[in-house]
PDB file of all heavy atoms in Angstrom:
ATOM      1  N   LEU A   1      44.949 -87.854  66.043  1.00  0.00           N
ATOM      2  CA  LEU A   1      45.700 -86.840  66.758  1.00  0.00           C
ATOM      3  C   LEU A   1      45.099 -86.684  68.145  1.00  0.00           C
ATOM      4  O   LEU A   1      43.876 -86.527  68.279  1.00  0.00           O
ATOM      5  CB  LEU A   1      45.653 -85.490  66.022  1.00  0.00           C
ATOM      6  CG  LEU A   1      46.740 -85.260  64.965  1.00  0.00           C
ATOM      7  CD1 LEU A   1      46.468 -86.126  63.742  1.00  0.00           C
ATOM      8  CD2 LEU A   1      46.802 -83.801  64.566  1.00  0.00           C
ATOM      9  N   LEU A   2      45.961 -86.718  69.172  1.00  0.00           N
ATOM     10  CA  LEU A   2      45.499 -86.702  70.552  1.00  0.00           C
ATOM     11  C   LEU A   2      46.070 -85.500  71.296  1.00  0.00           C
ATOM     12  O   LEU A   2      47.239 -85.126  71.111  1.00  0.00           O
ATOM     13  CB  LEU A   2      45.940 -87.973  71.279  1.00  0.00           C
ATOM     14  CG  LEU A   2      45.587 -89.327  70.654  1.00  0.00           C
ATOM     15  CD1 LEU A   2      46.168 -90.453  71.492  1.00  0.00           C
ATOM     16  CD2 LEU A   2      44.081 -89.487  70.508  1.00  0.00           C
ATOM     17  N   LEU A   3      45.236 -84.906  72.170  1.00  0.00           N
ATOM     18  CA  LEU A   3      45.678 -83.899  73.127  1.00  0.00           C
ATOM     19  C   LEU A   3      45.202 -84.331  74.505  1.00  0.00           C
ATOM     20  O   LEU A   3      44.009 -84.590  74.695  1.00  0.00           O
ATOM     21  CB  LEU A   3      45.090 -82.528  72.790  1.00  0.00           C
ATOM     22  CG  LEU A   3      45.920 -81.591  71.900  1.00  0.00           C
ATOM     23  CD1 LEU A   3      45.170 -80.290  71.678  1.00  0.00           C
ATOM     24  CD2 LEU A   3      47.290 -81.317  72.501  1.00  0.00           C
ATOM     25  N   ASN A   4      46.135 -84.423  75.434  1.00  0.00           N
ATOM     26  CA  ASN A   4      45.793 -84.871  76.783  1.00  0.00           C
ATOM     27  C   ASN A   4      45.010 -86.182  76.760  1.00  0.00           C
ATOM     28  O   ASN A   4      44.072 -86.383  77.533  1.00  0.00           O
ATOM     29  CB  ASN A   4      45.000 -83.788  77.524  1.00  0.00           C
ATOM     30  CG  ASN A   4      45.809 -82.513  77.694  1.00  0.00           C
ATOM     31  OD1 ASN A   4      47.013 -82.570  77.922  1.00  0.00           O
ATOM     32  ND2 ASN A   4      45.164 -81.370  77.571  1.00  0.00           N
ATOM     33  N   GLY A   5      45.400 -87.057  75.842  1.00  0.00           N
ATOM     34  CA  GLY A   5      44.796 -88.372  75.747  1.00  0.00           C
ATOM     35  C   GLY A   5      43.471 -88.434  75.021  1.00  0.00           C
ATOM     36  O   GLY A   5      42.905 -89.517  74.846  1.00  0.00           O
ATOM     37  N   LYS A   6      42.957 -87.283  74.588  1.00  0.00           N
ATOM     38  CA  LYS A   6      41.681 -87.254  73.872  1.00  0.00           C
ATOM     39  C   LYS A   6      41.897 -86.889  72.403  1.00  0.00           C
ATOM     40  O   LYS A   6      42.827 -86.162  72.051  1.00  0.00           O
ATOM     41  CB  LYS A   6      40.722 -86.250  74.514  1.00  0.00           C
ATOM     42  CG  LYS A   6      40.257 -86.631  75.909  1.00  0.00           C
ATOM     43  CD  LYS A   6      39.219 -85.638  76.414  1.00  0.00           C
ATOM     44  CE  LYS A   6      38.685 -86.018  77.779  1.00  0.00           C
ATOM     45  NZ  LYS A   6      37.621 -85.072  78.239  1.00  0.00           N
ATOM     46  N   LYS A   7      40.983 -87.352  71.575  1.00  0.00           N
ATOM     47  CA  LYS A   7      41.126 -87.172  70.129  1.00  0.00           C
ATOM     48  C   LYS A   7      40.686 -85.780  69.701  1.00  0.00           C
ATOM     49  O   LYS A   7      39.589 -85.331  70.031  1.00  0.00           O
ATOM     50  CB  LYS A   7      40.286 -88.232  69.401  1.00  0.00           C
ATOM     51  CG  LYS A   7      40.459 -88.283  67.908  1.00  0.00           C
ATOM     52  CD  LYS A   7      39.794 -89.532  67.348  1.00  0.00           C
ATOM     53  CE  LYS A   7      39.836 -89.583  65.837  1.00  0.00           C
ATOM     54  NZ  LYS A   7      39.268 -90.839  65.304  1.00  0.00           N
ATOM     55  N   ILE A   8      41.572 -85.080  68.978  1.00  0.00           N
ATOM     56  CA  ILE A   8      41.177 -83.790  68.387  1.00  0.00           C
ATOM     57  C   ILE A   8      41.144 -83.848  66.867  1.00  0.00           C
ATOM     58  O   ILE A   8      40.643 -82.924  66.225  1.00  0.00           O
ATOM     59  CB  ILE A   8      42.090 -82.622  68.813  1.00  0.00           C
ATOM     60  CG1 ILE A   8      43.492 -82.804  68.241  1.00  0.00           C
ATOM     61  CG2 ILE A   8      42.109 -82.410  70.294  1.00  0.00           C
ATOM     62  CD1 ILE A   8      44.135 -81.518  67.831  1.00  0.00           C
ATOM     63  N   GLY A   9      41.675 -84.922  66.297  1.00  0.00           N
ATOM     64  CA  GLY A   9      41.693 -84.991  64.842  1.00  0.00           C
ATOM     65  C   GLY A   9      41.800 -86.422  64.361  1.00  0.00           C
ATOM     66  O   GLY A   9      42.262 -87.312  65.085  1.00  0.00           O
ATOM     67  N   GLY A  10      41.340 -86.629  63.127  1.00  0.00           N
ATOM     68  CA  GLY A  10      41.411 -87.945  62.528  1.00  0.00           C
ATOM     69  C   GLY A  10      41.594 -87.850  61.030  1.00  0.00           C
ATOM     70  O   GLY A  10      41.337 -86.800  60.421  1.00  0.00           O
ATOM     71  N   ILE A  11      42.075 -88.935  60.445  1.00  0.00           N
ATOM     72  CA  ILE A  11      42.381 -88.973  59.019  1.00  0.00           C
ATOM     73  C   ILE A  11      41.760 -90.228  58.418  1.00  0.00           C
ATOM     74  O   ILE A  11      41.837 -91.307  59.008  1.00  0.00           O
ATOM     75  CB  ILE A  11      43.905 -88.985  58.792  1.00  0.00           C
ATOM     76  CG1 ILE A  11      44.524 -87.678  59.303  1.00  0.00           C
ATOM     77  CG2 ILE A  11      44.246 -89.172  57.312  1.00  0.00           C
ATOM     78  CD1 ILE A  11      45.938 -87.823  59.746  1.00  0.00           C
ATOM     79  N   LEU A  12      41.134 -90.065  57.256  1.00  0.00           N
ATOM     80  CA  LEU A  12      40.573 -91.199  56.521  1.00  0.00           C
ATOM     81  C   LEU A  12      41.116 -91.166  55.101  1.00  0.00           C
ATOM     82  O   LEU A  12      40.800 -90.264  54.330  1.00  0.00           O
ATOM     83  CB  LEU A  12      39.045 -91.137  56.503  1.00  0.00           C
ATOM     84  CG  LEU A  12      38.347 -92.241  55.696  1.00  0.00           C
ATOM     85  CD1 LEU A  12      38.649 -93.618  56.277  1.00  0.00           C
ATOM     86  CD2 LEU A  12      36.837 -92.003  55.637  1.00  0.00           C
ATOM     87  N   THR A  13      41.953 -92.148  54.774  1.00  0.00           N
ATOM     88  CA  THR A  13      42.560 -92.247  53.449  1.00  0.00           C
ATOM     89  C   THR A  13      41.868 -93.347  52.658  1.00  0.00           C
ATOM     90  O   THR A  13      41.735 -94.477  53.130  1.00  0.00           O
ATOM     91  CB  THR A  13      44.065 -92.555  53.558  1.00  0.00           C
ATOM     92  OG1 THR A  13      44.698 -91.545  54.333  1.00  0.00           O
ATOM     93  CG2 THR A  13      44.713 -92.613  52.184  1.00  0.00           C
ATOM     94  N   GLU A  14      41.426 -93.003  51.457  1.00  0.00           N
ATOM     95  CA  GLU A  14      40.794 -93.974  50.565  1.00  0.00           C
ATOM     96  C   GLU A  14      41.421 -93.830  49.189  1.00  0.00           C
ATOM     97  O   GLU A  14      41.831 -92.728  48.797  1.00  0.00           O
ATOM     98  CB  GLU A  14      39.283 -93.735  50.494  1.00  0.00           C
ATOM     99  CG  GLU A  14      38.589 -93.884  51.856  1.00  0.00           C
ATOM    100  CD  GLU A  14      37.116 -93.562  51.801  1.00  0.00           C
ATOM    101  OE1 GLU A  14      36.762 -92.366  51.706  1.00  0.00           O
ATOM    102  OE2 GLU A  14      36.312 -94.497  51.876  1.00  0.00           O
ATOM    103  N   MET A  15      41.488 -94.929  48.451  1.00  0.00           N
ATOM    104  CA  MET A  15      42.155 -94.849  47.149  1.00  0.00           C
ATOM    105  C   MET A  15      41.437 -95.643  46.077  1.00  0.00           C
ATOM    106  O   MET A  15      40.677 -96.566  46.359  1.00  0.00           O
ATOM    107  CB  MET A  15      43.615 -95.298  47.259  1.00  0.00           C
ATOM    108  CG  MET A  15      43.818 -96.755  47.591  1.00  0.00           C
ATOM    109  SD  MET A  15      45.590 -97.163  47.617  1.00  0.00           S
ATOM    110  CE  MET A  15      45.522 -98.815  48.311  1.00  0.00           C
ATOM    111  N   ASN A  16      41.718 -95.252  44.851  1.00  0.00           N
ATOM    112  CA  ASN A  16      41.283 -95.970  43.671  1.00  0.00           C
ATOM    113  C   ASN A  16      42.553 -96.487  43.014  1.00  0.00           C
ATOM    114  O   ASN A  16      43.412 -95.698  42.608  1.00  0.00           O
ATOM    115  CB  ASN A  16      40.510 -95.023  42.737  1.00  0.00           C
ATOM    116  CG  ASN A  16      40.013 -95.716  41.484  1.00  0.00           C
ATOM    117  OD1 ASN A  16      40.801 -96.157  40.658  1.00  0.00           O
ATOM    118  ND2 ASN A  16      38.702 -95.791  41.331  1.00  0.00           N
ATOM    119  N   ALA A  17      42.699 -97.814  42.936  1.00  0.00           N
ATOM    120  CA  ALA A  17      43.981 -98.362  42.507  1.00  0.00           C
ATOM    121  C   ALA A  17      43.813 -99.687  41.809  1.00  0.00           C
ATOM    122  O   ALA A  17      42.776-100.361  41.914  1.00  0.00           O
ATOM    123  CB  ALA A  17      44.901 -98.539  43.717  1.00  0.00           C
ATOM    124  N   GLU A  18      44.851-100.073  41.079  1.00  0.00           N
ATOM    125  CA  GLU A  18      45.033-101.421  40.562  1.00  0.00           C
ATOM    126  C   GLU A  18      46.098-102.083  41.437  1.00  0.00           C
ATOM    127  O   GLU A  18      46.727-101.413  42.255  1.00  0.00           O
ATOM    128  CB  GLU A  18      45.477-101.364  39.097  1.00  0.00           C
ATOM    129  CG  GLU A  18      44.437-100.733  38.165  1.00  0.00           C
ATOM    130  CD  GLU A  18      44.948-100.627  36.735  1.00  0.00           C
ATOM    131  OE1 GLU A  18      45.807-101.449  36.357  1.00  0.00           O
ATOM    132  OE2 GLU A  18      44.489 -99.724  36.019  1.00  0.00           O
ATOM    133  N   PRO A  19      46.316-103.388  41.284  1.00  0.00           N
ATOM    134  CA  PRO A  19      47.300-104.045  42.151  1.00  0.00           C
ATOM    135  C   PRO A  19      48.684-103.415  42.115  1.00  0.00           C
ATOM    136  O   PRO A  19      49.416-103.460  43.102  1.00  0.00           O
ATOM    137  CB  PRO A  19      47.335-105.482  41.611  1.00  0.00           C
ATOM    138  CG  PRO A  19      45.965-105.689  41.044  1.00  0.00           C
ATOM    139  CD  PRO A  19      45.580-104.358  40.446  1.00  0.00           C
ATOM    140  N   ASP A  20      49.061-102.822  40.973  1.00  0.00           N
ATOM    141  CA  ASP A  20      50.423-102.313  40.855  1.00  0.00           C
ATOM    142  C   ASP A  20      50.527-100.793  40.809  1.00  0.00           C
ATOM    143  O   ASP A  20      51.636-100.254  40.760  1.00  0.00           O
ATOM    144  CB  ASP A  20      51.087-102.892  39.601  1.00  0.00           C
ATOM    145  CG  ASP A  20      50.353-102.510  38.320  1.00  0.00           C
ATOM    146  OD1 ASP A  20      49.159-102.131  38.409  1.00  0.00           O
ATOM    147  OD2 ASP A  20      50.965-102.578  37.245  1.00  0.00           O
ATOM    148  N   ARG A  21      49.411-100.079  40.813  1.00  0.00           N
ATOM    149  CA  ARG A  21      49.530 -98.620  40.764  1.00  0.00           C
ATOM    150  C   ARG A  21      48.278 -97.950  41.314  1.00  0.00           C
ATOM    151  O   ARG A  21      47.178 -98.503  41.275  1.00  0.00           O
ATOM    152  CB  ARG A  21      49.784 -98.131  39.338  1.00  0.00           C
ATOM    153  CG  ARG A  21      48.628 -98.300  38.370  1.00  0.00           C
ATOM    154  CD  ARG A  21      49.074 -97.943  36.953  1.00  0.00           C
ATOM    155  NE  ARG A  21      47.976 -98.042  36.006  1.00  0.00           N
ATOM    156  CZ  ARG A  21      47.332 -96.978  35.500  1.00  0.00           C
ATOM    157  NH1 ARG A  21      47.678 -95.759  35.860  1.00  0.00           N
ATOM    158  NH2 ARG A  21      46.347 -97.137  34.630  1.00  0.00           N
ATOM    159  N   VAL A  22      48.498 -96.758  41.833  1.00  0.00           N
ATOM    160  CA  VAL A  22      47.420 -95.947  42.387  1.00  0.00           C
ATOM    161  C   VAL A  22      46.916 -94.988  41.317  1.00  0.00           C
ATOM    162  O   VAL A  22      47.710 -94.291  40.676  1.00  0.00           O
ATOM    163  CB  VAL A  22      47.929 -95.148  43.610  1.00  0.00           C
ATOM    164  CG1 VAL A  22      46.895 -94.123  44.053  1.00  0.00           C
ATOM    165  CG2 VAL A  22      48.263 -96.088  44.754  1.00  0.00           C
ATOM    166  N   HIS A  23      45.611 -94.954  41.114  1.00  0.00           N
ATOM    167  CA  HIS A  23      45.033 -93.960  40.208  1.00  0.00           C
ATOM    168  C   HIS A  23      44.888 -92.615  40.922  1.00  0.00           C
ATOM    169  O   HIS A  23      45.288 -91.584  40.401  1.00  0.00           O
ATOM    170  CB  HIS A  23      43.662 -94.429  39.703  1.00  0.00           C
ATOM    171  CG  HIS A  23      43.726 -95.647  38.847  1.00  0.00           C
ATOM    172  ND1 HIS A  23      44.385 -95.670  37.639  1.00  0.00           N
ATOM    173  CD2 HIS A  23      43.226 -96.906  39.031  1.00  0.00           C
ATOM    174  CE1 HIS A  23      44.283 -96.875  37.099  1.00  0.00           C
ATOM    175  NE2 HIS A  23      43.589 -97.645  37.938  1.00  0.00           N
ATOM    176  N   PHE A  24      44.298 -92.653  42.099  1.00  0.00           N
ATOM    177  CA  PHE A  24      44.224 -91.438  42.924  1.00  0.00           C
ATOM    178  C   PHE A  24      43.941 -91.833  44.363  1.00  0.00           C
ATOM    179  O   PHE A  24      43.474 -92.944  44.649  1.00  0.00           O
ATOM    180  CB  PHE A  24      43.159 -90.457  42.404  1.00  0.00           C
ATOM    181  CG  PHE A  24      41.742 -90.952  42.485  1.00  0.00           C
ATOM    182  CD1 PHE A  24      40.981 -90.794  43.645  1.00  0.00           C
ATOM    183  CD2 PHE A  24      41.127 -91.564  41.384  1.00  0.00           C
ATOM    184  CE1 PHE A  24      39.671 -91.245  43.719  1.00  0.00           C
ATOM    185  CE2 PHE A  24      39.819 -92.014  41.450  1.00  0.00           C
ATOM    186  CZ  PHE A  24      39.087 -91.859  42.623  1.00  0.00           C
ATOM    187  N   VAL A  25      44.257 -90.927  45.251  1.00  0.00           N
ATOM    188  CA  VAL A  25      44.026 -91.107  46.683  1.00  0.00           C
ATOM    189  C   VAL A  25      43.282 -89.884  47.191  1.00  0.00           C
ATOM    190  O   VAL A  25      43.560 -88.751  46.763  1.00  0.00           O
ATOM    191  CB  VAL A  25      45.359 -91.245  47.448  1.00  0.00           C
ATOM    192  CG1 VAL A  25      45.126 -91.276  48.957  1.00  0.00           C
ATOM    193  CG2 VAL A  25      46.111 -92.486  47.003  1.00  0.00           C
ATOM    194  N   VAL A  26      42.322 -90.093  48.078  1.00  0.00           N
ATOM    195  CA  VAL A  26      41.690 -88.961  48.762  1.00  0.00           C
ATOM    196  C   VAL A  26      42.004 -89.080  50.251  1.00  0.00           C
ATOM    197  O   VAL A  26      41.888 -90.160  50.827  1.00  0.00           O
ATOM    198  CB  VAL A  26      40.168 -88.875  48.519  1.00  0.00           C
ATOM    199  CG1 VAL A  26      39.879 -88.740  47.032  1.00  0.00           C
ATOM    200  CG2 VAL A  26      39.427 -90.058  49.103  1.00  0.00           C
ATOM    201  N   ILE A  27      42.455 -87.982  50.832  1.00  0.00           N
ATOM    202  CA  ILE A  27      42.808 -87.960  52.255  1.00  0.00           C
ATOM    203  C   ILE A  27      41.879 -86.986  52.958  1.00  0.00           C
ATOM    204  O   ILE A  27      41.949 -85.774  52.734  1.00  0.00           O
ATOM    205  CB  ILE A  27      44.272 -87.541  52.473  1.00  0.00           C
ATOM    206  CG1 ILE A  27      45.226 -88.464  51.711  1.00  0.00           C
ATOM    207  CG2 ILE A  27      44.604 -87.557  53.969  1.00  0.00           C
ATOM    208  CD1 ILE A  27      46.681 -88.059  51.819  1.00  0.00           C
ATOM    209  N   GLY A  28      40.998 -87.536  53.775  1.00  0.00           N
ATOM    210  CA  GLY A  28      40.098 -86.706  54.564  1.00  0.00           C
ATOM    211  C   GLY A  28      40.719 -86.395  55.912  1.00  0.00           C
ATOM    212  O   GLY A  28      41.247 -87.287  56.580  1.00  0.00           O
ATOM    213  N   ILE A  29      40.657 -85.129  56.303  1.00  0.00           N
ATOM    214  CA  ILE A  29      41.210 -84.698  57.587  1.00  0.00           C
ATOM    215  C   ILE A  29      40.134 -83.932  58.339  1.00  0.00           C
ATOM    216  O   ILE A  29      39.552 -82.977  57.806  1.00  0.00           O
ATOM    217  CB  ILE A  29      42.455 -83.811  57.406  1.00  0.00           C
ATOM    218  CG1 ILE A  29      43.533 -84.564  56.621  1.00  0.00           C
ATOM    219  CG2 ILE A  29      42.999 -83.357  58.767  1.00  0.00           C
ATOM    220  CD1 ILE A  29      44.761 -83.725  56.287  1.00  0.00           C
ATOM    221  N   GLY A  30      39.860 -84.353  59.548  1.00  0.00           N
ATOM    222  CA  GLY A  30      38.939 -83.630  60.418  1.00  0.00           C
ATOM    223  C   GLY A  30      39.679 -83.149  61.650  1.00  0.00           C
ATOM    224  O   GLY A  30      40.390 -83.928  62.295  1.00  0.00           O
TER     225      GLY A  30
END
């Protein structure tokens, strides 16, 4: 996320999954 060209926020998505299905996802937001 940018304001006036500078970063004010970011997201980090990580998951635990098999090839055909997701067990769970964690979404980090700063």
